[in-house]
Protein backbone atom coordinates (compact mmCIF):
# COMPACT_ATOMS: atom_id res chain seq x y z
CA MET A 1 0.00 0.00 0.00
CA PRO A 2 1.46 3.41 -0.96
CA TRP A 3 1.91 6.11 1.67
CA LEU A 4 1.94 9.90 1.44
CA LEU A 5 4.88 11.43 3.32
CA LEU A 6 6.23 14.86 4.23
CA GLU A 7 9.84 14.93 5.48
CA GLU A 8 9.77 11.22 6.44
CA LYS A 9 6.49 11.68 8.36
CA VAL A 10 3.61 9.48 7.15
CA LEU A 11 0.54 11.62 6.46
CA SER A 12 -1.87 9.02 5.05
CA SER A 13 -2.24 5.88 3.01
CA ILE A 14 -2.96 6.86 -0.58
CA GLU A 15 -4.71 5.39 -3.60
CA ILE A 16 -3.09 6.09 -6.95
CA GLY A 17 -5.72 7.05 -9.54
CA SER A 18 -5.44 6.74 -13.29
CA ASN A 19 -4.79 9.68 -15.60
CA LYS A 20 -7.94 11.75 -15.89
CA SER A 21 -8.75 15.15 -17.29
CA PHE A 22 -11.66 15.60 -14.88
CA VAL A 23 -11.62 14.66 -11.17
CA GLY A 24 -14.97 14.17 -9.54
CA GLN A 25 -15.50 10.58 -8.48
CA SER A 26 -16.46 10.19 -4.86
CA ILE A 27 -13.73 8.74 -2.64
CA HIS A 28 -15.45 9.18 0.70
CA SER A 29 -18.88 8.27 1.94
CA GLU A 30 -20.15 9.46 5.30
CA GLY A 31 -19.21 7.05 8.05
CA GLU A 32 -16.22 5.61 6.20
CA SER A 33 -12.62 6.08 7.26
CA GLU A 34 -10.32 8.68 5.77
CA GLU A 35 -9.30 8.10 2.19
CA THR A 36 -6.78 9.97 0.09
CA GLN A 37 -6.23 9.72 -3.66
CA LEU A 38 -3.46 10.89 -5.99
CA VAL A 39 -4.69 11.76 -9.47
CA MET A 40 -2.20 12.40 -12.27
CA SER A 41 -2.50 14.81 -15.21
CA THR A 42 -5.79 16.53 -14.49
CA LYS A 43 -6.86 20.05 -15.40
CA LEU A 44 -10.26 20.34 -13.77
CA ILE A 45 -11.72 19.33 -10.41
CA HIS A 46 -15.24 19.42 -9.01
CA THR A 47 -17.33 18.48 -6.00
CA PHE A 48 -20.69 17.95 -7.71
CA GLY A 49 -22.71 15.23 -6.01
CA LYS A 50 -20.74 15.60 -2.75
CA VAL A 51 -22.35 16.50 0.55
CA GLU A 52 -19.05 17.47 2.18
CA SER A 53 -16.24 19.82 1.19
CA MET A 54 -12.98 18.30 0.00
CA ASP A 55 -9.31 19.34 0.18
CA PHE A 56 -7.26 19.43 -3.03
CA VAL A 57 -3.47 19.70 -2.91
CA PHE A 58 -2.02 20.75 -6.28
CA LEU A 59 1.48 19.41 -7.01
CA ASP A 60 4.11 20.11 -9.68
CA GLU A 61 6.30 17.47 -11.37
CA SER A 62 8.58 17.15 -8.31
CA PHE A 63 5.58 16.84 -5.92
CA LYS A 64 6.14 20.35 -4.59
CA ILE A 65 2.88 21.85 -3.33
CA LEU A 66 1.72 24.69 -5.56
CA GLU A 67 -1.58 25.42 -3.82
CA ILE A 68 -4.07 23.93 -1.37
CA LYS A 69 -7.79 24.54 -1.81
CA THR A 70 -10.92 23.37 -0.02
CA LEU A 71 -13.90 23.12 -2.34
CA ALA A 72 -17.44 23.20 -0.98
CA PRO A 73 -20.04 20.85 -2.50
CA SER A 74 -21.19 21.62 -6.07
CA ARG A 75 -18.11 23.64 -7.04
CA ILE A 76 -15.76 23.44 -10.05
CA ARG A 77 -12.21 24.72 -10.40
CA PHE A 78 -9.34 24.60 -12.88
CA SER A 79 -5.94 23.45 -11.65
CA PRO A 80 -3.02 25.91 -11.57
CA LEU A 81 -1.07 25.82 -14.85
CA LYS A 82 1.99 23.94 -13.53
CA THR A 83 -0.10 21.20 -11.86
CA LYS A 84 1.02 17.66 -12.76
CA SER A 85 -0.92 15.79 -10.05
CA ILE A 86 -3.48 16.40 -7.31
CA VAL A 87 -3.95 14.88 -3.89
CA LYS A 88 -7.69 14.68 -3.21
CA THR A 89 -8.71 14.08 0.41
CA ASN A 90 -11.34 14.71 3.06
CA GLU A 91 -11.87 18.27 4.25
CA GLY A 92 -9.48 19.33 6.99
CA ASN A 93 -6.76 16.76 6.24
CA ALA A 94 -4.37 19.28 4.67
CA LEU A 95 -4.65 21.47 7.78
CA ARG A 96 -4.27 18.47 10.11
CA TRP A 97 -1.20 17.28 8.18
CA GLY A 98 0.37 20.73 8.49
CA VAL A 99 1.27 20.98 4.81
CA GLN A 100 1.67 24.29 3.03
CA ALA A 101 2.75 25.73 -0.31
CA ASP A 102 6.37 24.87 -1.28
CA ASP A 103 6.47 21.69 0.88
CA ILE A 104 7.58 18.63 -1.09
CA LEU A 105 5.51 15.48 -0.66
CA GLU A 106 6.65 11.94 -1.37
CA ILE A 107 4.87 8.69 -2.24
CA ARG A 108 6.37 5.41 -0.96
CA SER A 109 5.26 1.82 -1.10
């Protein structure tokens, strides 16, 4: 199982998603445990059909954080231009993890 890390600290287990141009599939249902997903090569995100807000962490090619956004339900947003992948997770996880712009994340198995 892959893990998301920041400076050798494990933040979460992570599911690796396939290349998509549009991120919107639900990864979390109420009552389930935390889930985090890495999606590669996407330009557009949304939270249509969600009842909860979600955190999106936009990463460049070296997994450096470009921006972190929380999207409320029924919202749509384009990724920053240099985005190569996105970490999609439950609302509040980015704050709880203590990540911020310019941090470099890592994925390990």
